[in-house]
Amino acid sequence: MKIGAAVNIYPNPVKDMLFIKSGQEFSSYSVYNMAGQRVASDKMTGKSINLSRLPVGSYVLKLTDKEGNTESTKFMKN
């Protein structure tokens, strides 16, 4: 089930740190490349994600709350 709250991420494109602005609290995240392969995932410990190890490209960020609801958004890494 999708979360109804709006999620904003910045900066986009991202170099190292991706920041999340949302009224919703997320418990974990996953990052997928355009081939649908999960390339990163972890528990959320704040409102930012370190993506410095990802290669340049386009990705989908999937955020999950403690009830299992998800919100997804695309971003670019440069």
Protein backbone atom coordinates (compact mmCIF):
# COMPACT_ATOMS: atom_id res chain seq x y z
CA MET A 1 0.00 0.00 0.00
CA LYS A 2 1.26 3.46 -0.87
CA ILE A 3 1.65 6.18 1.72
CA GLY A 4 -0.45 9.25 1.00
CA ALA A 5 2.04 11.77 2.37
CA ALA A 6 4.14 13.77 -0.07
CA VAL A 7 7.84 12.98 -0.06
CA ASN A 8 10.43 15.45 -1.34
CA ILE A 9 14.05 14.48 -1.87
CA TYR A 10 16.95 16.85 -2.48
CA PRO A 11 19.31 17.56 -4.06
CA ASN A 12 18.33 15.83 -7.28
CA PRO A 13 20.69 14.99 -8.88
CA VAL A 14 22.58 13.90 -5.77
CA LYS A 15 26.35 13.61 -5.32
CA ASP A 16 26.77 12.15 -1.81
CA MET A 17 23.95 12.81 0.68
CA LEU A 18 20.26 12.61 -0.25
CA PHE A 19 17.90 14.40 2.12
CA ILE A 20 14.25 13.44 2.65
CA LYS A 21 11.53 15.92 3.55
CA SER A 22 8.27 14.32 4.63
CA GLY A 23 5.79 14.36 7.47
CA GLN A 24 5.95 10.56 7.44
CA GLU A 25 8.52 8.60 9.46
CA PHE A 26 10.24 5.86 7.47
CA SER A 27 11.88 2.80 9.01
CA SER A 28 13.89 1.56 6.00
CA TYR A 29 14.86 2.30 2.43
CA SER A 30 15.91 0.45 -0.71
CA VAL A 31 17.55 1.85 -3.84
CA TYR A 32 17.00 0.15 -7.21
CA ASN A 33 18.78 0.71 -10.51
CA MET A 34 16.83 1.00 -13.76
CA ALA A 35 17.20 -2.77 -14.32
CA GLY A 36 15.19 -3.32 -11.11
CA GLN A 37 18.17 -4.62 -9.13
CA ARG A 38 18.42 -3.54 -5.50
CA VAL A 39 21.77 -1.78 -5.12
CA ALA A 40 21.44 -0.41 -1.57
CA SER A 41 19.18 -0.84 1.45
CA ASP A 42 19.29 -0.15 5.16
CA LYS A 43 17.29 1.01 8.16
CA MET A 44 16.49 4.72 8.32
CA THR A 45 18.27 6.47 11.17
CA GLY A 46 17.35 10.03 10.21
CA LYS A 47 16.24 12.07 7.22
CA SER A 48 19.29 11.53 5.00
CA ILE A 49 20.91 8.69 3.06
CA ASN A 50 24.59 8.47 2.08
CA LEU A 51 24.69 7.47 -1.59
CA SER A 52 28.36 8.28 -2.27
CA ARG A 53 29.17 4.66 -3.18
CA LEU A 54 26.60 4.46 -5.98
CA PRO A 55 27.84 4.88 -9.56
CA VAL A 56 26.47 7.70 -11.72
CA GLY A 57 23.01 6.85 -13.06
CA SER A 58 19.25 6.89 -12.51
CA TYR A 59 17.65 5.14 -9.55
CA VAL A 60 14.39 4.55 -7.70
CA LEU A 61 14.25 5.16 -3.95
CA LYS A 62 11.67 3.07 -2.08
CA LEU A 63 10.89 4.22 1.46
CA THR A 64 9.02 1.94 3.88
CA ASP A 65 7.29 2.91 7.13
CA LYS A 66 6.93 0.69 10.21
CA GLU A 67 3.56 -0.65 8.99
CA GLY A 68 5.03 -1.77 5.66
CA ASN A 69 3.53 1.05 3.57
CA THR A 70 5.83 2.31 0.82
CA GLU A 71 6.55 5.46 -1.15
CA SER A 72 8.79 5.47 -4.24
CA THR A 73 10.47 8.27 -6.16
CA LYS A 74 13.13 8.54 -8.88
CA PHE A 75 16.44 10.35 -8.54
CA MET A 76 19.70 10.77 -10.41
CA LYS A 77 23.23 10.29 -9.05
CA ASN A 78 26.08 12.34 -10.52
